[in-house]
Amino acid sequence: MTGAIRTLAALAVAGASVLCVTSQASADPNPNNYGDRPLTIKLDTSAHVGVYASADPASPKVHNNLTLSPGDYIVATCWVVGKDVGTAGDVWYRTARVHNGSGDIYVGAAYTFAPYVDYAAAFHNVPGVPHCV
C-alpha cells in the first residue's frame, strides 16, 4: 500500500509540474475564434513597443527601426505564438498598420508583442483578436 501512495504522490507532483510550464498562448481564451479581424488597439502600457518583421524580438524592426510610444495605435488582425520575451509571455499581434494622432506611421506586415501593447487584453478578451489561421 505504501508503494501505491508514493506512486500517486509522484504522479500528482509530475502533473503539477506540467501545468506550471504551459505558455500564455496555450490557454487560448477563445479557441473557436480563428482568422483575421482587424482591431484598432491603443498602446496603454508604459512600454515603448518595437514593430518587428516576425514574432521574435531578435528579428529586425520594420520601417527604419520603428518603435511606438504609449498612446500610439496598432491595427492588429490576429495573434500568433512567437518567441518568449523574458517572462512576459509569447503572444504577438500580427499588425497591419500603426499610427499616432497625426496619421499612419507604417502600413504593412509586422508583429508587436501583445503584453507590451495592451497587457495582451485583446488576446484575453472574448471575442477579442482572433488566433491567426
N, C-alpha and C. Protein backbone atom coordinates (compact mmCIF):
# COMPACT_ATOMS: atom_id res chain seq x y z
N MET A 1 0.82 -1.20 0.00
CA MET A 1 0.00 0.00 0.00
C MET A 1 0.86 1.25 0.00
N THR A 2 1.98 1.26 0.70
CA THR A 2 2.84 2.43 0.78
C THR A 2 3.41 2.78 -0.59
N GLY A 3 3.76 1.75 -1.36
CA GLY A 3 4.29 1.98 -2.71
C GLY A 3 3.25 2.65 -3.61
N ALA A 4 2.00 2.25 -3.48
CA ALA A 4 0.93 2.84 -4.28
C ALA A 4 0.73 4.31 -3.93
N ILE A 5 0.82 4.63 -2.65
CA ILE A 5 0.66 6.02 -2.22
C ILE A 5 1.82 6.87 -2.75
N ARG A 6 3.04 6.32 -2.68
CA ARG A 6 4.19 7.05 -3.22
C ARG A 6 4.06 7.28 -4.71
N THR A 7 3.58 6.28 -5.42
CA THR A 7 3.38 6.40 -6.87
C THR A 7 2.35 7.48 -7.17
N LEU A 8 1.24 7.48 -6.46
CA LEU A 8 0.21 8.51 -6.67
C LEU A 8 0.74 9.90 -6.34
N ALA A 9 1.52 10.02 -5.29
CA ALA A 9 2.10 11.32 -4.93
C ALA A 9 3.06 11.79 -6.01
N ALA A 10 3.86 10.88 -6.55
CA ALA A 10 4.80 11.24 -7.61
C ALA A 10 4.05 11.69 -8.86
N LEU A 11 2.97 10.99 -9.20
CA LEU A 11 2.17 11.40 -10.36
C LEU A 11 1.53 12.76 -10.15
N ALA A 12 1.07 13.06 -8.96
CA ALA A 12 0.46 14.36 -8.67
C ALA A 12 1.49 15.47 -8.82
N VAL A 13 2.70 15.25 -8.32
CA VAL A 13 3.76 16.25 -8.45
C VAL A 13 4.13 16.46 -9.91
N ALA A 14 4.24 15.36 -10.67
CA ALA A 14 4.57 15.47 -12.09
C ALA A 14 3.48 16.23 -12.84
N GLY A 15 2.22 15.94 -12.53
CA GLY A 15 1.11 16.65 -13.18
C GLY A 15 1.13 18.13 -12.88
N ALA A 16 1.43 18.50 -11.65
CA ALA A 16 1.50 19.91 -11.27
C ALA A 16 2.65 20.59 -12.00
N SER A 17 3.76 19.88 -12.20
CA SER A 17 4.90 20.46 -12.91
C SER A 17 4.55 20.74 -14.36
N VAL A 18 3.82 19.85 -14.99
CA VAL A 18 3.41 20.04 -16.38
C VAL A 18 2.51 21.25 -16.50
N LEU A 19 1.58 21.42 -15.58
CA LEU A 19 0.67 22.57 -15.62
C LEU A 19 1.41 23.89 -15.44
N CYS A 20 2.49 23.90 -14.71
CA CYS A 20 3.21 25.14 -14.43
C CYS A 20 4.01 25.65 -15.61
N VAL A 21 4.27 24.81 -16.62
CA VAL A 21 5.11 25.24 -17.73
C VAL A 21 4.33 25.54 -19.00
N THR A 22 3.01 25.64 -18.91
CA THR A 22 2.25 25.96 -20.11
C THR A 22 2.44 27.42 -20.46
N SER A 23 2.43 27.71 -21.74
CA SER A 23 2.64 29.09 -22.19
C SER A 23 1.34 29.86 -22.10
N GLN A 24 1.45 31.17 -22.24
CA GLN A 24 0.28 32.04 -22.22
C GLN A 24 -0.65 31.67 -23.37
N ALA A 25 -0.08 31.41 -24.54
CA ALA A 25 -0.89 31.13 -25.72
C ALA A 25 -1.58 29.78 -25.64
N SER A 26 -1.04 28.83 -24.89
CA SER A 26 -1.66 27.52 -24.82
C SER A 26 -3.02 27.60 -24.13
N ALA A 27 -3.26 28.65 -23.41
CA ALA A 27 -4.53 28.85 -22.73
C ALA A 27 -5.39 29.82 -23.53
N ASP A 28 -5.58 29.52 -24.82
CA ASP A 28 -6.35 30.37 -25.71
C ASP A 28 -7.73 30.63 -25.10
N PRO A 29 -8.05 31.88 -24.78
CA PRO A 29 -9.33 32.17 -24.13
C PRO A 29 -10.52 32.02 -25.07
N ASN A 30 -10.27 31.89 -26.35
CA ASN A 30 -11.34 31.84 -27.32
C ASN A 30 -10.97 30.86 -28.44
N PRO A 31 -10.91 29.57 -28.17
CA PRO A 31 -10.33 28.61 -29.11
C PRO A 31 -11.08 28.45 -30.43
N ASN A 32 -12.28 28.92 -30.55
CA ASN A 32 -13.02 28.80 -31.81
C ASN A 32 -12.98 30.06 -32.65
N ASN A 33 -12.16 31.03 -32.25
CA ASN A 33 -12.08 32.31 -32.93
C ASN A 33 -10.78 32.38 -33.73
N TYR A 34 -10.83 32.00 -35.01
CA TYR A 34 -9.66 32.00 -35.88
C TYR A 34 -9.90 32.89 -37.07
N GLY A 35 -8.82 33.39 -37.66
CA GLY A 35 -8.91 34.18 -38.87
C GLY A 35 -8.36 35.57 -38.68
N ASP A 36 -8.78 36.47 -39.52
CA ASP A 36 -8.35 37.86 -39.46
C ASP A 36 -9.57 38.73 -39.17
N ARG A 37 -9.45 39.58 -38.17
CA ARG A 37 -10.48 40.56 -37.87
C ARG A 37 -9.77 41.78 -37.32
N PRO A 38 -9.53 42.78 -38.15
CA PRO A 38 -8.78 43.95 -37.70
C PRO A 38 -9.41 44.62 -36.49
N LEU A 39 -8.55 44.98 -35.55
CA LEU A 39 -8.99 45.66 -34.33
C LEU A 39 -7.97 46.74 -34.02
N THR A 40 -8.43 47.97 -33.88
CA THR A 40 -7.53 49.06 -33.51
C THR A 40 -7.33 49.03 -32.01
N ILE A 41 -6.05 49.03 -31.60
CA ILE A 41 -5.71 48.93 -30.18
C ILE A 41 -4.79 50.10 -29.83
N LYS A 42 -5.15 50.83 -28.80
CA LYS A 42 -4.30 51.92 -28.30
C LYS A 42 -3.27 51.35 -27.35
N LEU A 43 -2.02 51.75 -27.52
CA LEU A 43 -0.98 51.31 -26.61
C LEU A 43 -1.25 51.94 -25.25
N ASP A 44 -1.62 51.10 -24.29
CA ASP A 44 -1.98 51.63 -22.99
C ASP A 44 -1.07 51.12 -21.87
N THR A 45 0.13 50.68 -22.24
CA THR A 45 1.13 50.33 -21.23
C THR A 45 2.15 51.47 -21.21
N SER A 46 3.09 51.39 -20.30
CA SER A 46 4.15 52.40 -20.27
C SER A 46 5.33 52.01 -21.15
N ALA A 47 5.22 50.86 -21.82
CA ALA A 47 6.32 50.35 -22.65
C ALA A 47 6.37 51.06 -24.00
N HIS A 48 7.57 51.13 -24.55
CA HIS A 48 7.76 51.53 -25.94
C HIS A 48 7.84 50.22 -26.71
N VAL A 49 7.06 50.10 -27.77
CA VAL A 49 6.83 48.82 -28.43
C VAL A 49 7.51 48.79 -29.79
N GLY A 50 8.38 47.80 -29.98
CA GLY A 50 9.00 47.60 -31.27
C GLY A 50 8.02 46.98 -32.25
N VAL A 51 8.21 47.31 -33.52
CA VAL A 51 7.38 46.76 -34.59
C VAL A 51 8.31 45.89 -35.43
N TYR A 52 8.15 44.57 -35.33
CA TYR A 52 9.11 43.61 -35.84
C TYR A 52 8.66 42.92 -37.13
N ALA A 53 9.63 42.42 -37.88
CA ALA A 53 9.36 41.70 -39.12
C ALA A 53 8.78 40.31 -38.86
N SER A 54 9.05 39.74 -37.70
CA SER A 54 8.47 38.45 -37.31
C SER A 54 8.19 38.48 -35.80
N ALA A 55 7.54 37.45 -35.31
CA ALA A 55 7.16 37.39 -33.90
C ALA A 55 8.33 36.93 -33.04
N ASP A 56 9.40 37.71 -33.11
CA ASP A 56 10.66 37.36 -32.43
C ASP A 56 11.41 38.66 -32.16
N PRO A 57 11.75 38.94 -30.89
CA PRO A 57 12.45 40.19 -30.60
C PRO A 57 13.85 40.26 -31.20
N ALA A 58 14.38 39.13 -31.67
CA ALA A 58 15.68 39.13 -32.33
C ALA A 58 15.57 39.46 -33.81
N SER A 59 14.35 39.50 -34.35
CA SER A 59 14.18 39.83 -35.77
C SER A 59 14.33 41.34 -35.95
N PRO A 60 14.59 41.77 -37.18
CA PRO A 60 14.73 43.22 -37.40
C PRO A 60 13.39 43.95 -37.22
N LYS A 61 13.49 45.20 -36.81
CA LYS A 61 12.30 46.05 -36.77
C LYS A 61 12.04 46.57 -38.18
N VAL A 62 10.80 46.90 -38.46
CA VAL A 62 10.42 47.40 -39.77
C VAL A 62 10.57 48.92 -39.83
N HIS A 63 10.56 49.46 -41.01
CA HIS A 63 10.46 50.91 -41.25
C HIS A 63 11.45 51.72 -40.41
N ASN A 64 12.71 51.51 -40.68
CA ASN A 64 13.77 52.29 -40.01
C ASN A 64 13.75 52.16 -38.49
N ASN A 65 13.66 50.92 -38.01
CA ASN A 65 13.74 50.65 -36.57
C ASN A 65 12.54 51.23 -35.80
N LEU A 66 11.36 51.07 -36.35
CA LEU A 66 10.14 51.66 -35.79
C LEU A 66 9.86 51.16 -34.38
N THR A 67 9.68 52.11 -33.46
CA THR A 67 9.28 51.84 -32.08
C THR A 67 8.14 52.78 -31.74
N LEU A 68 7.07 52.23 -31.18
CA LEU A 68 5.89 53.02 -30.83
C LEU A 68 5.96 53.48 -29.39
N SER A 69 5.25 54.55 -29.11
CA SER A 69 5.19 55.12 -27.77
C SER A 69 3.80 54.96 -27.19
N PRO A 70 3.67 55.02 -25.86
CA PRO A 70 2.34 54.97 -25.26
C PRO A 70 1.42 56.02 -25.90
N GLY A 71 0.19 55.60 -26.21
CA GLY A 71 -0.76 56.49 -26.86
C GLY A 71 -0.84 56.30 -28.36
N ASP A 72 0.17 55.67 -28.97
CA ASP A 72 0.09 55.33 -30.39
C ASP A 72 -0.91 54.18 -30.56
N TYR A 73 -1.20 53.82 -31.79
CA TYR A 73 -2.18 52.78 -32.09
C TYR A 73 -1.61 51.74 -33.04
N ILE A 74 -2.10 50.51 -32.92
CA ILE A 74 -1.84 49.49 -33.92
C ILE A 74 -3.18 48.98 -34.42
N VAL A 75 -3.18 48.41 -35.60
CA VAL A 75 -4.32 47.66 -36.10
C VAL A 75 -3.85 46.21 -36.14
N ALA A 76 -4.34 45.43 -35.18
CA ALA A 76 -3.99 44.02 -35.08
C ALA A 76 -5.04 43.21 -35.84
N THR A 77 -4.58 42.26 -36.65
CA THR A 77 -5.53 41.42 -37.39
C THR A 77 -5.78 40.09 -36.69
N CYS A 78 -4.77 39.59 -35.95
CA CYS A 78 -4.90 38.32 -35.24
C CYS A 78 -3.67 38.16 -34.35
N TRP A 79 -3.60 37.06 -33.58
CA TRP A 79 -2.45 36.82 -32.72
C TRP A 79 -1.77 35.50 -33.08
N VAL A 80 -0.48 35.43 -32.78
CA VAL A 80 0.31 34.22 -33.01
C VAL A 80 1.14 33.92 -31.77
N VAL A 81 1.58 32.68 -31.67
CA VAL A 81 2.56 32.30 -30.66
C VAL A 81 3.92 32.56 -31.28
N GLY A 82 4.71 33.39 -30.61
CA GLY A 82 6.05 33.70 -31.09
C GLY A 82 7.07 33.39 -30.03
N LYS A 83 8.19 34.06 -30.12
CA LYS A 83 9.26 33.88 -29.14
C LYS A 83 8.87 34.54 -27.83
N ASP A 84 9.27 33.92 -26.73
CA ASP A 84 9.07 34.50 -25.41
C ASP A 84 9.87 35.79 -25.28
N VAL A 85 9.33 36.73 -24.54
CA VAL A 85 10.06 37.95 -24.17
C VAL A 85 10.16 37.91 -22.65
N GLY A 86 11.35 37.55 -22.16
CA GLY A 86 11.54 37.40 -20.72
C GLY A 86 10.52 36.44 -20.16
N THR A 87 9.84 36.86 -19.11
CA THR A 87 8.78 36.04 -18.52
C THR A 87 7.40 36.62 -18.82
N ALA A 88 7.33 37.53 -19.78
CA ALA A 88 6.06 38.20 -20.09
C ALA A 88 5.15 37.39 -21.01
N GLY A 89 5.65 36.33 -21.62
CA GLY A 89 4.80 35.51 -22.47
C GLY A 89 5.32 35.38 -23.89
N ASP A 90 4.44 34.86 -24.77
CA ASP A 90 4.83 34.57 -26.14
C ASP A 90 3.75 34.93 -27.16
N VAL A 91 2.81 35.78 -26.76
CA VAL A 91 1.72 36.16 -27.66
C VAL A 91 2.08 37.46 -28.38
N TRP A 92 1.97 37.43 -29.70
CA TRP A 92 2.27 38.57 -30.55
C TRP A 92 1.06 38.89 -31.41
N TYR A 93 0.83 40.17 -31.66
CA TYR A 93 -0.24 40.58 -32.58
C TYR A 93 0.35 40.73 -33.98
N ARG A 94 -0.31 40.09 -34.97
CA ARG A 94 0.04 40.39 -36.36
C ARG A 94 -0.54 41.78 -36.61
N THR A 95 0.32 42.67 -37.02
CA THR A 95 -0.02 44.09 -37.09
C THR A 95 0.01 44.56 -38.55
N ALA A 96 -1.11 45.12 -39.00
CA ALA A 96 -1.21 45.56 -40.39
C ALA A 96 -0.93 47.04 -40.57
N ARG A 97 -1.07 47.81 -39.48
CA ARG A 97 -0.88 49.25 -39.59
C ARG A 97 -0.59 49.80 -38.21
N VAL A 98 0.25 50.83 -38.14
CA VAL A 98 0.48 51.55 -36.89
C VAL A 98 0.31 53.03 -37.17
N HIS A 99 -0.24 53.74 -36.21
CA HIS A 99 -0.43 55.18 -36.40
C HIS A 99 -0.47 55.90 -35.06
N ASN A 100 -0.29 57.20 -35.14
CA ASN A 100 -0.42 58.05 -33.96
C ASN A 100 -1.48 59.09 -34.27
N GLY A 101 -1.62 60.10 -33.46
CA GLY A 101 -2.64 61.11 -33.67
C GLY A 101 -2.51 61.85 -34.98
N SER A 102 -1.33 61.83 -35.58
CA SER A 102 -1.09 62.55 -36.84
C SER A 102 -1.39 61.70 -38.08
N GLY A 103 -1.60 60.42 -37.91
CA GLY A 103 -1.89 59.55 -39.06
C GLY A 103 -1.01 58.32 -39.07
N ASP A 104 -1.03 57.63 -40.21
CA ASP A 104 -0.29 56.39 -40.35
C ASP A 104 1.21 56.63 -40.26
N ILE A 105 1.87 55.76 -39.50
CA ILE A 105 3.32 55.76 -39.43
C ILE A 105 3.85 54.65 -40.32
N TYR A 106 3.13 53.53 -40.37
CA TYR A 106 3.57 52.37 -41.15
C TYR A 106 2.37 51.53 -41.53
N VAL A 107 2.34 51.07 -42.76
CA VAL A 107 1.33 50.14 -43.24
C VAL A 107 2.07 48.97 -43.87
N GLY A 108 1.81 47.77 -43.40
CA GLY A 108 2.46 46.58 -43.92
C GLY A 108 2.44 45.46 -42.90
N ALA A 109 3.01 44.34 -43.26
CA ALA A 109 3.03 43.18 -42.36
C ALA A 109 4.08 43.38 -41.28
N ALA A 110 3.68 43.17 -40.03
CA ALA A 110 4.60 43.34 -38.91
C ALA A 110 4.02 42.61 -37.70
N TYR A 111 4.79 42.61 -36.60
CA TYR A 111 4.35 41.97 -35.36
C TYR A 111 4.71 42.87 -34.18
N THR A 112 3.80 42.92 -33.20
CA THR A 112 4.04 43.66 -31.97
C THR A 112 3.75 42.72 -30.79
N PHE A 113 4.53 42.87 -29.73
CA PHE A 113 4.41 41.98 -28.57
C PHE A 113 3.22 42.39 -27.73
N ALA A 114 2.23 41.51 -27.64
CA ALA A 114 0.94 41.81 -27.03
C ALA A 114 1.02 42.34 -25.60
N PRO A 115 1.80 41.74 -24.69
CA PRO A 115 1.85 42.28 -23.33
C PRO A 115 2.36 43.71 -23.25
N TYR A 116 3.19 44.13 -24.19
CA TYR A 116 3.69 45.50 -24.18
C TYR A 116 2.72 46.47 -24.85
N VAL A 117 1.83 45.95 -25.70
CA VAL A 117 0.84 46.81 -26.38
C VAL A 117 -0.29 47.16 -25.42
N ASP A 118 -0.95 46.14 -24.89
CA ASP A 118 -2.15 46.36 -24.06
C ASP A 118 -2.27 45.33 -22.95
N TYR A 119 -1.13 44.86 -22.46
CA TYR A 119 -1.12 43.79 -21.46
C TYR A 119 -1.81 42.54 -21.99
N ALA A 120 -1.81 42.37 -23.32
CA ALA A 120 -2.44 41.25 -24.01
C ALA A 120 -3.95 41.21 -23.78
N ALA A 121 -4.55 42.34 -23.52
CA ALA A 121 -6.00 42.39 -23.26
C ALA A 121 -6.81 41.94 -24.46
N ALA A 122 -6.43 42.34 -25.67
CA ALA A 122 -7.18 41.93 -26.86
C ALA A 122 -7.05 40.44 -27.12
N PHE A 123 -5.99 39.82 -26.62
CA PHE A 123 -5.85 38.36 -26.68
C PHE A 123 -6.76 37.71 -25.64
N HIS A 124 -6.79 38.23 -24.44
CA HIS A 124 -7.56 37.62 -23.35
C HIS A 124 -9.06 37.90 -23.46
N ASN A 125 -9.44 39.04 -24.00
CA ASN A 125 -10.86 39.37 -24.08
C ASN A 125 -11.56 38.48 -25.12
N VAL A 126 -12.80 38.14 -24.85
CA VAL A 126 -13.59 37.35 -25.78
C VAL A 126 -14.67 38.24 -26.35
N PRO A 127 -14.83 38.39 -27.69
CA PRO A 127 -14.12 37.62 -28.67
C PRO A 127 -12.70 38.10 -28.92
N GLY A 128 -12.40 39.35 -28.73
CA GLY A 128 -11.02 39.83 -28.87
C GLY A 128 -10.43 39.60 -30.25
N VAL A 129 -9.11 39.66 -30.30
CA VAL A 129 -8.39 39.43 -31.55
C VAL A 129 -8.35 37.92 -31.77
N PRO A 130 -8.70 37.45 -32.98
CA PRO A 130 -8.71 36.00 -33.21
C PRO A 130 -7.29 35.44 -33.36
N HIS A 131 -7.19 34.14 -33.24
CA HIS A 131 -5.94 33.43 -33.48
C HIS A 131 -5.72 33.40 -34.99
N CYS A 132 -4.50 33.65 -35.43
CA CYS A 132 -4.20 33.63 -36.87
C CYS A 132 -4.39 32.21 -37.41
N VAL A 133 -4.82 32.14 -38.64
CA VAL A 133 -5.02 30.84 -39.30
C VAL A 133 -3.68 30.30 -39.71
